Amino acid sequence: MNVIKIKEWVYNADIRIIINCTPKRFSSYIKQCFGESYLPLKDGHFVVYDNGKKIVYLIWIKNFDWRIHEFALLGHEIFHCVHRIFNDLGATLTDESEELYANYYQYIYSEAISKIKDKLK
């Protein structure tokens, strides 16, 4: 299991990407960090934990082996994450906000790939 933390300073979002982790191990991580049980049923998932003081945005990818499918799945889950962050800030995806979403998505995706590359060396 690899946990990649992206500390984003513009919106102060705590984003964690968990890769190469079985659903059972991910459930244990959730229990350890947030005191709840959660068992994902797919190859990837996005979930948010908010205790009223801190929000943590979690992206889980069961296996990341540098295949096209994993890049696409990571992008898919990052989209959910970006949408939720802006939703939490009161923003909605419109023609006027589309570029803001796209730039933020690009930043998070680039950070994720860079940190995954460093972690899996």
PDB file of N, CA and C in Angstrom:
ATOM      1  N   MET A   1       0.847  -1.181   0.000  1.00  0.00           N
ATOM      2  CA  MET A   1       0.000   0.000   0.000  1.00  0.00           C
ATOM      3  C   MET A   1       0.888   1.238   0.000  1.00  0.00           C
ATOM      4  N   ASN A   2       0.561   2.166  -0.878  1.00  0.00           N
ATOM      5  CA  ASN A   2       1.266   3.441  -0.939  1.00  0.00           C
ATOM      6  C   ASN A   2       0.263   4.567  -0.736  1.00  0.00           C
ATOM      7  N   VAL A   3       0.572   5.474   0.179  1.00  0.00           N
ATOM      8  CA  VAL A   3      -0.272   6.644   0.419  1.00  0.00           C
ATOM      9  C   VAL A   3       0.467   7.867  -0.100  1.00  0.00           C
ATOM     10  N   ILE A   4      -0.147   8.534  -1.055  1.00  0.00           N
ATOM     11  CA  ILE A   4       0.417   9.742  -1.638  1.00  0.00           C
ATOM     12  C   ILE A   4      -0.416  10.909  -1.129  1.00  0.00           C
ATOM     13  N   LYS A   5       0.240  11.850  -0.454  1.00  0.00           N
ATOM     14  CA  LYS A   5      -0.473  13.011   0.073  1.00  0.00           C
ATOM     15  C   LYS A   5      -0.197  14.217  -0.804  1.00  0.00           C
ATOM     16  N   ILE A   6      -1.267  14.868  -1.186  1.00  0.00           N
ATOM     17  CA  ILE A   6      -1.153  16.102  -1.947  1.00  0.00           C
ATOM     18  C   ILE A   6      -1.714  17.205  -1.070  1.00  0.00           C
ATOM     19  N   LYS A   7      -0.844  18.019  -0.548  1.00  0.00           N
ATOM     20  CA  LYS A   7      -1.262  19.161   0.261  1.00  0.00           C
ATOM     21  C   LYS A   7      -1.379  20.334  -0.677  1.00  0.00           C
ATOM     22  N   GLU A   8      -2.571  20.716  -0.923  1.00  0.00           N
ATOM     23  CA  GLU A   8      -2.860  21.758  -1.885  1.00  0.00           C
ATOM     24  C   GLU A   8      -3.100  23.054  -1.111  1.00  0.00           C
ATOM     25  N   TRP A   9      -2.380  24.102  -1.452  1.00  0.00           N
ATOM     26  CA  TRP A   9      -2.367  25.320  -0.638  1.00  0.00           C
ATOM     27  C   TRP A   9      -3.368  26.386  -1.069  1.00  0.00           C
ATOM     28  N   VAL A  10      -3.882  26.331  -2.264  1.00  0.00           N
ATOM     29  CA  VAL A  10      -4.819  27.365  -2.709  1.00  0.00           C
ATOM     30  C   VAL A  10      -6.150  27.239  -1.968  1.00  0.00           C
ATOM     31  N   TYR A  11      -6.711  26.045  -1.940  1.00  0.00           N
ATOM     32  CA  TYR A  11      -7.992  25.805  -1.267  1.00  0.00           C
ATOM     33  C   TYR A  11      -7.812  25.019   0.026  1.00  0.00           C
ATOM     34  N   ASN A  12      -6.568  24.746   0.377  1.00  0.00           N
ATOM     35  CA  ASN A  12      -6.232  24.020   1.597  1.00  0.00           C
ATOM     36  C   ASN A  12      -6.874  22.632   1.658  1.00  0.00           C
ATOM     37  N   ALA A  13      -6.885  21.956   0.528  1.00  0.00           N
ATOM     38  CA  ALA A  13      -7.481  20.620   0.452  1.00  0.00           C
ATOM     39  C   ALA A  13      -6.456  19.559   0.842  1.00  0.00           C
ATOM     40  N   ASP A  14      -6.891  18.616   1.673  1.00  0.00           N
ATOM     41  CA  ASP A  14      -6.067  17.473   2.066  1.00  0.00           C
ATOM     42  C   ASP A  14      -6.481  16.299   1.182  1.00  0.00           C
ATOM     43  N   ILE A  15      -5.671  16.031   0.159  1.00  0.00           N
ATOM     44  CA  ILE A  15      -5.979  14.988  -0.812  1.00  0.00           C
ATOM     45  C   ILE A  15      -5.000  13.841  -0.601  1.00  0.00           C
ATOM     46  N   ARG A  16      -5.546  12.647  -0.468  1.00  0.00           N
ATOM     47  CA  ARG A  16      -4.710  11.449  -0.312  1.00  0.00           C
ATOM     48  C   ARG A  16      -5.088  10.448  -1.388  1.00  0.00           C
ATOM     49  N   ILE A  17      -4.065   9.917  -2.042  1.00  0.00           N
ATOM     50  CA  ILE A  17      -4.265   8.905  -3.066  1.00  0.00           C
ATOM     51  C   ILE A  17      -3.624   7.623  -2.555  1.00  0.00           C
ATOM     52  N   ILE A  18      -4.434   6.597  -2.442  1.00  0.00           N
ATOM     53  CA  ILE A  18      -3.962   5.308  -1.943  1.00  0.00           C
ATOM     54  C   ILE A  18      -3.924   4.355  -3.138  1.00  0.00           C
ATOM     55  N   ILE A  19      -2.734   3.824  -3.432  1.00  0.00           N
ATOM     56  CA  ILE A  19      -2.580   2.936  -4.577  1.00  0.00           C
ATOM     57  C   ILE A  19      -1.969   1.605  -4.139  1.00  0.00           C
ATOM     58  N   ASN A  20      -2.149   0.614  -5.018  1.00  0.00           N
ATOM     59  CA  ASN A  20      -1.602  -0.734  -4.792  1.00  0.00           C
ATOM     60  C   ASN A  20      -2.009  -1.241  -3.417  1.00  0.00           C
ATOM     61  N   CYS A  21      -3.301  -1.283  -3.220  1.00  0.00           N
ATOM     62  CA  CYS A  21      -3.871  -1.584  -1.911  1.00  0.00           C
ATOM     63  C   CYS A  21      -5.151  -2.390  -2.103  1.00  0.00           C
ATOM     64  N   THR A  22      -5.230  -3.514  -1.430  1.00  0.00           N
ATOM     65  CA  THR A  22      -6.430  -4.342  -1.525  1.00  0.00           C
ATOM     66  C   THR A  22      -7.618  -3.622  -0.878  1.00  0.00           C
ATOM     67  N   PRO A  23      -8.833  -3.997  -1.263  1.00  0.00           N
ATOM     68  CA  PRO A  23     -10.001  -3.397  -0.611  1.00  0.00           C
ATOM     69  C   PRO A  23      -9.994  -3.601   0.906  1.00  0.00           C
ATOM     70  N   LYS A  24      -9.562  -4.772   1.351  1.00  0.00           N
ATOM     71  CA  LYS A  24      -9.519  -5.049   2.793  1.00  0.00           C
ATOM     72  C   LYS A  24      -8.519  -4.130   3.503  1.00  0.00           C
ATOM     73  N   ARG A  25      -7.347  -3.936   2.913  1.00  0.00           N
ATOM     74  CA  ARG A  25      -6.332  -3.057   3.509  1.00  0.00           C
ATOM     75  C   ARG A  25      -6.807  -1.602   3.507  1.00  0.00           C
ATOM     76  N   PHE A  26      -7.488  -1.194   2.423  1.00  0.00           N
ATOM     77  CA  PHE A  26      -8.045   0.157   2.355  1.00  0.00           C
ATOM     78  C   PHE A  26      -9.087   0.351   3.460  1.00  0.00           C
ATOM     79  N   SER A  27      -9.911  -0.646   3.673  1.00  0.00           N
ATOM     80  CA  SER A  27     -10.913  -0.579   4.739  1.00  0.00           C
ATOM     81  C   SER A  27     -10.246  -0.425   6.102  1.00  0.00           C
ATOM     82  N   SER A  28      -9.145  -1.138   6.318  1.00  0.00           N
ATOM     83  CA  SER A  28      -8.396  -1.013   7.574  1.00  0.00           C
ATOM     84  C   SER A  28      -7.807   0.387   7.731  1.00  0.00           C
ATOM     85  N   TYR A  29      -7.306   0.946   6.639  1.00  0.00           N
ATOM     86  CA  TYR A  29      -6.757   2.308   6.659  1.00  0.00           C
ATOM     87  C   TYR A  29      -7.848   3.317   7.036  1.00  0.00           C
ATOM     88  N   ILE A  30      -9.018   3.159   6.448  1.00  0.00           N
ATOM     89  CA  ILE A  30     -10.153   4.043   6.751  1.00  0.00           C
ATOM     90  C   ILE A  30     -10.533   3.924   8.225  1.00  0.00           C
ATOM     91  N   LYS A  31     -10.582   2.713   8.715  1.00  0.00           N
ATOM     92  CA  LYS A  31     -10.919   2.482  10.129  1.00  0.00           C
ATOM     93  C   LYS A  31      -9.878   3.127  11.044  1.00  0.00           C
ATOM     94  N   GLN A  32      -8.602   2.950  10.718  1.00  0.00           N
ATOM     95  CA  GLN A  32      -7.507   3.504  11.515  1.00  0.00           C
ATOM     96  C   GLN A  32      -7.534   5.034  11.514  1.00  0.00           C
ATOM     97  N   CYS A  33      -7.742   5.636  10.361  1.00  0.00           N
ATOM     98  CA  CYS A  33      -7.677   7.098  10.241  1.00  0.00           C
ATOM     99  C   CYS A  33      -8.961   7.811  10.637  1.00  0.00           C
ATOM    100  N   PHE A  34     -10.102   7.183  10.359  1.00  0.00           N
ATOM    101  CA  PHE A  34     -11.370   7.893  10.509  1.00  0.00           C
ATOM    102  C   PHE A  34     -12.381   7.181  11.397  1.00  0.00           C
ATOM    103  N   GLY A  35     -12.018   5.998  11.900  1.00  0.00           N
ATOM    104  CA  GLY A  35     -12.895   5.285  12.819  1.00  0.00           C
ATOM    105  C   GLY A  35     -14.142   4.719  12.186  1.00  0.00           C
ATOM    106  N   GLU A  36     -14.147   4.598  10.873  1.00  0.00           N
ATOM    107  CA  GLU A  36     -15.302   4.064  10.167  1.00  0.00           C
ATOM    108  C   GLU A  36     -14.876   2.881   9.305  1.00  0.00           C
ATOM    109  N   SER A  37     -15.842   2.085   8.934  1.00  0.00           N
ATOM    110  CA  SER A  37     -15.573   0.971   8.031  1.00  0.00           C
ATOM    111  C   SER A  37     -16.083   1.319   6.647  1.00  0.00           C
ATOM    112  N   TYR A  38     -15.294   0.963   5.661  1.00  0.00           N
ATOM    113  CA  TYR A  38     -15.696   1.212   4.278  1.00  0.00           C
ATOM    114  C   TYR A  38     -14.969   0.212   3.392  1.00  0.00           C
ATOM    115  N   LEU A  39     -15.699  -0.506   2.562  1.00  0.00           N
ATOM    116  CA  LEU A  39     -15.102  -1.507   1.681  1.00  0.00           C
ATOM    117  C   LEU A  39     -15.474  -1.189   0.236  1.00  0.00           C
ATOM    118  N   PRO A  40     -14.532  -0.687  -0.560  1.00  0.00           N
ATOM    119  CA  PRO A  40     -14.827  -0.381  -1.964  1.00  0.00           C
ATOM    120  C   PRO A  40     -15.022  -1.658  -2.769  1.00  0.00           C
ATOM    121  N   LEU A  41     -15.873  -1.573  -3.784  1.00  0.00           N
ATOM    122  CA  LEU A  41     -16.209  -2.768  -4.555  1.00  0.00           C
ATOM    123  C   LEU A  41     -15.640  -2.764  -5.976  1.00  0.00           C
ATOM    124  N   LYS A  42     -14.954  -1.706  -6.358  1.00  0.00           N
ATOM    125  CA  LYS A  42     -14.441  -1.595  -7.720  1.00  0.00           C
ATOM    126  C   LYS A  42     -12.918  -1.503  -7.693  1.00  0.00           C
ATOM    127  N   ASP A  43     -12.316  -1.162  -8.826  1.00  0.00           N
ATOM    128  CA  ASP A  43     -10.857  -1.005  -8.912  1.00  0.00           C
ATOM    129  C   ASP A  43     -10.379   0.354  -8.442  1.00  0.00           C
ATOM    130  N   GLY A  44     -11.299   1.302  -8.325  1.00  0.00           N
ATOM    131  CA  GLY A  44     -10.970   2.637  -7.870  1.00  0.00           C
ATOM    132  C   GLY A  44     -12.194   3.292  -7.257  1.00  0.00           C
ATOM    133  N   HIS A  45     -11.933   4.254  -6.387  1.00  0.00           N
ATOM    134  CA  HIS A  45     -13.055   4.901  -5.722  1.00  0.00           C
ATOM    135  C   HIS A  45     -12.614   6.241  -5.146  1.00  0.00           C
ATOM    136  N   PHE A  46     -13.577   7.133  -4.971  1.00  0.00           N
ATOM    137  CA  PHE A  46     -13.351   8.415  -4.328  1.00  0.00           C
ATOM    138  C   PHE A  46     -14.329   8.528  -3.164  1.00  0.00           C
ATOM    139  N   VAL A  47     -13.818   8.949  -2.013  1.00  0.00           N
ATOM    140  CA  VAL A  47     -14.654   9.112  -0.831  1.00  0.00           C
ATOM    141  C   VAL A  47     -14.134  10.296  -0.023  1.00  0.00           C
ATOM    142  N   VAL A  48     -15.026  10.934   0.723  1.00  0.00           N
ATOM    143  CA  VAL A  48     -14.679  12.106   1.526  1.00  0.00           C
ATOM    144  C   VAL A  48     -14.988  11.816   2.984  1.00  0.00           C
ATOM    145  N   TYR A  49     -14.082  12.231   3.856  1.00  0.00           N
ATOM    146  CA  TYR A  49     -14.312  12.159   5.297  1.00  0.00           C
ATOM    147  C   TYR A  49     -14.233  13.566   5.865  1.00  0.00           C
ATOM    148  N   ASP A  50     -15.281  13.950   6.581  1.00  0.00           N
ATOM    149  CA  ASP A  50     -15.400  15.289   7.148  1.00  0.00           C
ATOM    150  C   ASP A  50     -15.845  15.145   8.597  1.00  0.00           C
ATOM    151  N   ASN A  51     -14.950  15.508   9.522  1.00  0.00           N
ATOM    152  CA  ASN A  51     -15.307  15.407  10.943  1.00  0.00           C
ATOM    153  C   ASN A  51     -15.767  16.749  11.507  1.00  0.00           C
ATOM    154  N   GLY A  52     -16.048  17.697  10.619  1.00  0.00           N
ATOM    155  CA  GLY A  52     -16.482  19.010  11.063  1.00  0.00           C
ATOM    156  C   GLY A  52     -15.351  19.999  11.247  1.00  0.00           C
ATOM    157  N   LYS A  53     -14.134  19.486  11.400  1.00  0.00           N
ATOM    158  CA  LYS A  53     -12.956  20.338  11.554  1.00  0.00           C
ATOM    159  C   LYS A  53     -12.038  20.232  10.345  1.00  0.00           C
ATOM    160  N   LYS A  54     -11.985  19.041   9.781  1.00  0.00           N
ATOM    161  CA  LYS A  54     -11.077  18.777   8.670  1.00  0.00           C
ATOM    162  C   LYS A  54     -11.761  17.878   7.657  1.00  0.00           C
ATOM    163  N   ILE A  55     -11.558  18.194   6.392  1.00  0.00           N
ATOM    164  CA  ILE A  55     -12.078  17.365   5.309  1.00  0.00           C
ATOM    165  C   ILE A  55     -10.898  16.676   4.640  1.00  0.00           C
ATOM    166  N   VAL A  56     -11.006  15.381   4.453  1.00  0.00           N
ATOM    167  CA  VAL A  56      -9.983  14.607   3.750  1.00  0.00           C
ATOM    168  C   VAL A  56     -10.633  13.988   2.516  1.00  0.00           C
ATOM    169  N   TYR A  57     -10.001  14.233   1.379  1.00  0.00           N
ATOM    170  CA  TYR A  57     -10.474  13.701   0.102  1.00  0.00           C
ATOM    171  C   TYR A  57      -9.593  12.511  -0.245  1.00  0.00           C
ATOM    172  N   LEU A  58     -10.197  11.327  -0.342  1.00  0.00           N
ATOM    173  CA  LEU A  58      -9.438  10.087  -0.568  1.00  0.00           C
ATOM    174  C   LEU A  58      -9.738   9.486  -1.932  1.00  0.00           C
ATOM    175  N   ILE A  59      -8.678   9.191  -2.641  1.00  0.00           N
ATOM    176  CA  ILE A  59      -8.786   8.470  -3.906  1.00  0.00           C
ATOM    177  C   ILE A  59      -8.093   7.132  -3.710  1.00  0.00           C
ATOM    178  N   TRP A  60      -8.783   6.065  -4.035  1.00  0.00           N
ATOM    179  CA  TRP A  60      -8.223   4.719  -3.895  1.00  0.00           C
ATOM    180  C   TRP A  60      -8.145   4.063  -5.268  1.00  0.00           C
ATOM    181  N   ILE A  61      -6.976   3.553  -5.603  1.00  0.00           N
ATOM    182  CA  ILE A  61      -6.750   2.783  -6.831  1.00  0.00           C
ATOM    183  C   ILE A  61      -6.164   1.439  -6.407  1.00  0.00           C
ATOM    184  N   LYS A  62      -6.897   0.377  -6.670  1.00  0.00           N
ATOM    185  CA  LYS A  62      -6.482  -0.952  -6.216  1.00  0.00           C
ATOM    186  C   LYS A  62      -5.078  -1.314  -6.691  1.00  0.00           C
ATOM    187  N   ASN A  63      -4.838  -1.196  -7.994  1.00  0.00           N
ATOM    188  CA  ASN A  63      -3.519  -1.499  -8.572  1.00  0.00           C
ATOM    189  C   ASN A  63      -3.113  -0.363  -9.489  1.00  0.00           C
ATOM    190  N   PHE A  64      -1.886   0.089  -9.358  1.00  0.00           N
ATOM    191  CA  PHE A  64      -1.348   1.091 -10.279  1.00  0.00           C
ATOM    192  C   PHE A  64      -0.050   0.540 -10.838  1.00  0.00           C
ATOM    193  N   ASP A  65      -0.119   0.073 -12.093  1.00  0.00           N
ATOM    194  CA  ASP A  65       1.027  -0.554 -12.752  1.00  0.00           C
ATOM    195  C   ASP A  65       1.453   0.192 -14.011  1.00  0.00           C
ATOM    196  N   TRP A  66       1.121   1.468 -14.105  1.00  0.00           N
ATOM    197  CA  TRP A  66       1.505   2.324 -15.223  1.00  0.00           C
ATOM    198  C   TRP A  66       0.851   1.917 -16.527  1.00  0.00           C
ATOM    199  N   ARG A  67      -0.312   1.283 -16.462  1.00  0.00           N
ATOM    200  CA  ARG A  67      -1.055   0.942 -17.673  1.00  0.00           C
ATOM    201  C   ARG A  67      -2.063   2.057 -17.974  1.00  0.00           C
ATOM    202  N   ILE A  68      -2.474   2.148 -19.210  1.00  0.00           N
ATOM    203  CA  ILE A  68      -3.421   3.179 -19.638  1.00  0.00           C
ATOM    204  C   ILE A  68      -4.677   3.154 -18.768  1.00  0.00           C
ATOM    205  N   HIS A  69      -5.170   1.970 -18.462  1.00  0.00           N
ATOM    206  CA  HIS A  69      -6.376   1.849 -17.637  1.00  0.00           C
ATOM    207  C   HIS A  69      -6.203   2.551 -16.289  1.00  0.00           C
ATOM    208  N   GLU A  70      -5.053   2.396 -15.667  1.00  0.00           N
ATOM    209  CA  GLU A  70      -4.834   3.023 -14.359  1.00  0.00           C
ATOM    210  C   GLU A  70      -4.731   4.546 -14.470  1.00  0.00           C
ATOM    211  N   PHE A  71      -4.100   5.043 -15.528  1.00  0.00           N
ATOM    212  CA  PHE A  71      -4.051   6.496 -15.740  1.00  0.00           C
ATOM    213  C   PHE A  71      -5.468   7.047 -15.917  1.00  0.00           C
ATOM    214  N   ALA A  72      -6.271   6.336 -16.715  1.00  0.00           N
ATOM    215  CA  ALA A  72      -7.653   6.774 -16.951  1.00  0.00           C
ATOM    216  C   ALA A  72      -8.475   6.714 -15.666  1.00  0.00           C
ATOM    217  N   LEU A  73      -8.311   5.649 -14.897  1.00  0.00           N
ATOM    218  CA  LEU A  73      -9.032   5.503 -13.635  1.00  0.00           C
ATOM    219  C   LEU A  73      -8.620   6.586 -12.640  1.00  0.00           C
ATOM    220  N   LEU A  74      -7.342   6.864 -12.556  1.00  0.00           N
ATOM    221  CA  LEU A  74      -6.871   7.936 -11.682  1.00  0.00           C
ATOM    222  C   LEU A  74      -7.487   9.267 -12.103  1.00  0.00           C
ATOM    223  N   GLY A  75      -7.486   9.548 -13.398  1.00  0.00           N
ATOM    224  CA  GLY A  75      -8.105  10.770 -13.896  1.00  0.00           C
ATOM    225  C   GLY A  75      -9.583  10.850 -13.560  1.00  0.00           C
ATOM    226  N   HIS A  76     -10.271   9.735 -13.702  1.00  0.00           N
ATOM    227  CA  HIS A  76     -11.695   9.646 -13.373  1.00  0.00           C
ATOM    228  C   HIS A  76     -11.932  10.012 -11.905  1.00  0.00           C
ATOM    229  N   GLU A  77     -11.169   9.411 -11.018  1.00  0.00           N
ATOM    230  CA  GLU A  77     -11.354   9.664  -9.576  1.00  0.00           C
ATOM    231  C   GLU A  77     -10.919  11.081  -9.196  1.00  0.00           C
ATOM    232  N   ILE A  78      -9.895  11.608  -9.852  1.00  0.00           N
ATOM    233  CA  ILE A  78      -9.486  12.991  -9.595  1.00  0.00           C
ATOM    234  C   ILE A  78     -10.589  13.953 -10.017  1.00  0.00           C
ATOM    235  N   PHE A  79     -11.284  13.649 -11.102  1.00  0.00           N
ATOM    236  CA  PHE A  79     -12.405  14.504 -11.500  1.00  0.00           C
ATOM    237  C   PHE A  79     -13.447  14.571 -10.386  1.00  0.00           C
ATOM    238  N   HIS A  80     -13.799  13.417  -9.817  1.00  0.00           N
ATOM    239  CA  HIS A  80     -14.746  13.406  -8.694  1.00  0.00           C
ATOM    240  C   HIS A  80     -14.223  14.276  -7.550  1.00  0.00           C
ATOM    241  N   CYS A  81     -12.936  14.152  -7.266  1.00  0.00           N
ATOM    242  CA  CYS A  81     -12.308  14.904  -6.184  1.00  0.00           C
ATOM    243  C   CYS A  81     -12.389  16.410  -6.436  1.00  0.00           C
ATOM    244  N   VAL A  82     -12.000  16.839  -7.622  1.00  0.00           N
ATOM    245  CA  VAL A  82     -12.036  18.262  -7.974  1.00  0.00           C
ATOM    246  C   VAL A  82     -13.465  18.794  -7.884  1.00  0.00           C
ATOM    247  N   HIS A  83     -14.406  18.049  -8.416  1.00  0.00           N
ATOM    248  CA  HIS A  83     -15.808  18.469  -8.366  1.00  0.00           C
ATOM    249  C   HIS A  83     -16.270  18.644  -6.921  1.00  0.00           C
ATOM    250  N   ARG A  84     -15.909  17.708  -6.055  1.00  0.00           N
ATOM    251  CA  ARG A  84     -16.319  17.784  -4.650  1.00  0.00           C
ATOM    252  C   ARG A  84     -15.648  18.953  -3.923  1.00  0.00           C
ATOM    253  N   ILE A  85     -14.372  19.182  -4.178  1.00  0.00           N
ATOM    254  CA  ILE A  85     -13.679  20.302  -3.536  1.00  0.00           C
ATOM    255  C   ILE A  85     -14.374  21.616  -3.891  1.00  0.00           C
ATOM    256  N   PHE A  86     -14.641  21.824  -5.176  1.00  0.00           N
ATOM    257  CA  PHE A  86     -15.305  23.062  -5.573  1.00  0.00           C
ATOM    258  C   PHE A  86     -16.728  23.130  -5.041  1.00  0.00           C
ATOM    259  N   ASN A  87     -17.404  21.998  -4.995  1.00  0.00           N
ATOM    260  CA  ASN A  87     -18.747  21.959  -4.412  1.00  0.00           C
ATOM    261  C   ASN A  87     -18.695  22.365  -2.936  1.00  0.00           C
ATOM    262  N   ASP A  88     -17.705  21.852  -2.199  1.00  0.00           N
ATOM    263  CA  ASP A  88     -17.545  22.215  -0.791  1.00  0.00           C
ATOM    264  C   ASP A  88     -17.264  23.706  -0.621  1.00  0.00           C
ATOM    265  N   LEU A  89     -16.672  24.314  -1.643  1.00  0.00           N
ATOM    266  CA  LEU A  89     -16.382  25.749  -1.609  1.00  0.00           C
ATOM    267  C   LEU A  89     -17.555  26.591  -2.110  1.00  0.00           C
ATOM    268  N   GLY A  90     -18.623  25.918  -2.548  1.00  0.00           N
ATOM    269  CA  GLY A  90     -19.805  26.628  -3.024  1.00  0.00           C
ATOM    270  C   GLY A  90     -19.795  26.940  -4.512  1.00  0.00           C
ATOM    271  N   ALA A  91     -18.834  26.406  -5.244  1.00  0.00           N
ATOM    272  CA  ALA A  91     -18.746  26.648  -6.690  1.00  0.00           C
ATOM    273  C   ALA A  91     -19.449  25.528  -7.449  1.00  0.00           C
ATOM    274  N   THR A  92     -19.903  25.845  -8.629  1.00  0.00           N
ATOM    275  CA  THR A  92     -20.507  24.851  -9.504  1.00  0.00           C
ATOM    276  C   THR A  92     -19.819  24.905 -10.859  1.00  0.00           C
ATOM    277  N   LEU A  93     -19.890  23.802 -11.563  1.00  0.00           N
ATOM    278  CA  LEU A  93     -19.285  23.724 -12.889  1.00  0.00           C
ATOM    279  C   LEU A  93     -20.222  24.385 -13.890  1.00  0.00           C
ATOM    280  N   THR A  94     -19.777  25.494 -14.454  1.00  0.00           N
ATOM    281  CA  THR A  94     -20.541  26.233 -15.457  1.00  0.00           C
ATOM    282  C   THR A  94     -19.590  26.602 -16.589  1.00  0.00           C
ATOM    283  N   ASP A  95     -20.129  27.214 -17.628  1.00  0.00           N
ATOM    284  CA  ASP A  95     -19.263  27.690 -18.711  1.00  0.00           C
ATOM    285  C   ASP A  95     -18.238  28.689 -18.184  1.00  0.00           C
ATOM    286  N   GLU A  96     -18.648  29.496 -17.213  1.00  0.00           N
ATOM    287  CA  GLU A  96     -17.753  30.514 -16.663  1.00  0.00           C
ATOM    288  C   GLU A  96     -16.671  29.914 -15.753  1.00  0.00           C
ATOM    289  N   SER A  97     -16.967  28.816 -15.076  1.00  0.00           N
ATOM    290  CA  SER A  97     -15.992  28.227 -14.141  1.00  0.00           C
ATOM    291  C   SER A  97     -15.220  27.055 -14.737  1.00  0.00           C
ATOM    292  N   GLU A  98     -15.533  26.695 -15.961  1.00  0.00           N
ATOM    293  CA  GLU A  98     -14.931  25.508 -16.575  1.00  0.00           C
ATOM    294  C   GLU A  98     -13.405  25.563 -16.602  1.00  0.00           C
ATOM    295  N   GLU A  99     -12.827  26.718 -16.932  1.00  0.00           N
ATOM    296  CA  GLU A  99     -11.370  26.829 -17.008  1.00  0.00           C
ATOM    297  C   GLU A  99     -10.740  26.681 -15.626  1.00  0.00           C
ATOM    298  N   LEU A 100     -11.377  27.200 -14.607  1.00  0.00           N
ATOM    299  CA  LEU A 100     -10.894  27.043 -13.229  1.00  0.00           C
ATOM    300  C   LEU A 100     -10.845  25.559 -12.857  1.00  0.00           C
ATOM    301  N   TYR A 101     -11.913  24.831 -13.152  1.00  0.00           N
ATOM    302  CA  TYR A 101     -11.958  23.389 -12.902  1.00  0.00           C
ATOM    303  C   TYR A 101     -10.848  22.678 -13.670  1.00  0.00           C
ATOM    304  N   ALA A 102     -10.708  23.019 -14.946  1.00  0.00           N
ATOM    305  CA  ALA A 102      -9.713  22.354 -15.797  1.00  0.00           C
ATOM    306  C   ALA A 102      -8.295  22.599 -15.291  1.00  0.00           C
ATOM    307  N   ASN A 103      -7.995  23.833 -14.908  1.00  0.00           N
ATOM    308  CA  ASN A 103      -6.660  24.141 -14.379  1.00  0.00           C
ATOM    309  C   ASN A 103      -6.393  23.417 -13.076  1.00  0.00           C
ATOM    310  N   TYR A 104      -7.371  23.378 -12.198  1.00  0.00           N
ATOM    311  CA  TYR A 104      -7.204  22.697 -10.912  1.00  0.00           C
ATOM    312  C   TYR A 104      -7.040  21.195 -11.118  1.00  0.00           C
ATOM    313  N   TYR A 105      -7.860  20.630 -12.015  1.00  0.00           N
ATOM    314  CA  TYR A 105      -7.751  19.210 -12.355  1.00  0.00           C
ATOM    315  C   TYR A 105      -6.344  18.908 -12.884  1.00  0.00           C
ATOM    316  N   GLN A 106      -5.853  19.732 -13.798  1.00  0.00           N
ATOM    317  CA  GLN A 106      -4.526  19.529 -14.365  1.00  0.00           C
ATOM    318  C   GLN A 106      -3.465  19.563 -13.278  1.00  0.00           C
ATOM    319  N   TYR A 107      -3.574  20.498 -12.356  1.00  0.00           N
ATOM    320  CA  TYR A 107      -2.609  20.605 -11.263  1.00  0.00           C
ATOM    321  C   TYR A 107      -2.631  19.347 -10.392  1.00  0.00           C
ATOM    322  N   ILE A 108      -3.807  18.926  -9.974  1.00  0.00           N
ATOM    323  CA  ILE A 108      -3.922  17.742  -9.099  1.00  0.00           C
ATOM    324  C   ILE A 108      -3.426  16.498  -9.829  1.00  0.00           C
ATOM    325  N   TYR A 109      -3.803  16.339 -11.087  1.00  0.00           N
ATOM    326  CA  TYR A 109      -3.379  15.167 -11.863  1.00  0.00           C
ATOM    327  C   TYR A 109      -1.853  15.147 -12.011  1.00  0.00           C
ATOM    328  N   SER A 110      -1.265  16.291 -12.339  1.00  0.00           N
ATOM    329  CA  SER A 110       0.192  16.378 -12.486  1.00  0.00           C
ATOM    330  C   SER A 110       0.909  16.073 -11.180  1.00  0.00           C
ATOM    331  N   GLU A 111       0.425  16.639 -10.088  1.00  0.00           N
ATOM    332  CA  GLU A 111       1.005  16.357  -8.768  1.00  0.00           C
ATOM    333  C   GLU A 111       0.899  14.875  -8.436  1.00  0.00           C
ATOM    334  N   ALA A 112      -0.263  14.289  -8.721  1.00  0.00           N
ATOM    335  CA  ALA A 112      -0.476  12.873  -8.423  1.00  0.00           C
ATOM    336  C   ALA A 112       0.519  12.002  -9.186  1.00  0.00           C
ATOM    337  N   ILE A 113       0.648  12.215 -10.490  1.00  0.00           N
ATOM    338  CA  ILE A 113       1.556  11.407 -11.298  1.00  0.00           C
ATOM    339  C   ILE A 113       2.994  11.594 -10.835  1.00  0.00           C
ATOM    340  N   SER A 114       3.388  12.829 -10.553  1.00  0.00           N
ATOM    341  CA  SER A 114       4.738  13.108 -10.090  1.00  0.00           C
ATOM    342  C   SER A 114       5.029  12.403  -8.766  1.00  0.00           C
ATOM    343  N   LYS A 115       4.101  12.461  -7.831  1.00  0.00           N
ATOM    344  CA  LYS A 115       4.312  11.835  -6.521  1.00  0.00           C
ATOM    345  C   LYS A 115       4.250  10.320  -6.601  1.00  0.00           C
ATOM    346  N   ILE A 116       3.392   9.790  -7.471  1.00  0.00           N
ATOM    347  CA  ILE A 116       3.343   8.331  -7.664  1.00  0.00           C
ATOM    348  C   ILE A 116       4.665   7.865  -8.267  1.00  0.00           C
ATOM    349  N   LYS A 117       5.172   8.602  -9.237  1.00  0.00           N
ATOM    350  CA  LYS A 117       6.452   8.251  -9.856  1.00  0.00           C
ATOM    351  C   LYS A 117       7.566   8.208  -8.806  1.00  0.00           C
ATOM    352  N   ASP A 118       7.614   9.228  -7.940  1.00  0.00           N
ATOM    353  CA  ASP A 118       8.631   9.263  -6.887  1.00  0.00           C
ATOM    354  C   ASP A 118       8.455   8.115  -5.894  1.00  0.00           C
ATOM    355  N   LYS A 119       7.214   7.815  -5.548  1.00  0.00           N
ATOM    356  CA  LYS A 119       6.918   6.785  -4.553  1.00  0.00           C
ATOM    357  C   LYS A 119       7.242   5.387  -5.060  1.00  0.00           C
ATOM    358  N   LEU A 120       7.055   5.157  -6.361  1.00  0.00           N
ATOM    359  CA  LEU A 120       7.228   3.811  -6.912  1.00  0.00           C
ATOM    360  C   LEU A 120       8.584   3.596  -7.566  1.00  0.00           C
ATOM    361  N   LYS A 121       9.546   4.465  -7.307  1.00  0.00           N
ATOM    362  CA  LYS A 121      10.900   4.299  -7.881  1.00  0.00           C
ATOM    363  C   LYS A 121      11.530   3.033  -7.393  1.00  0.00           C
TER     364      LYS A 121
END
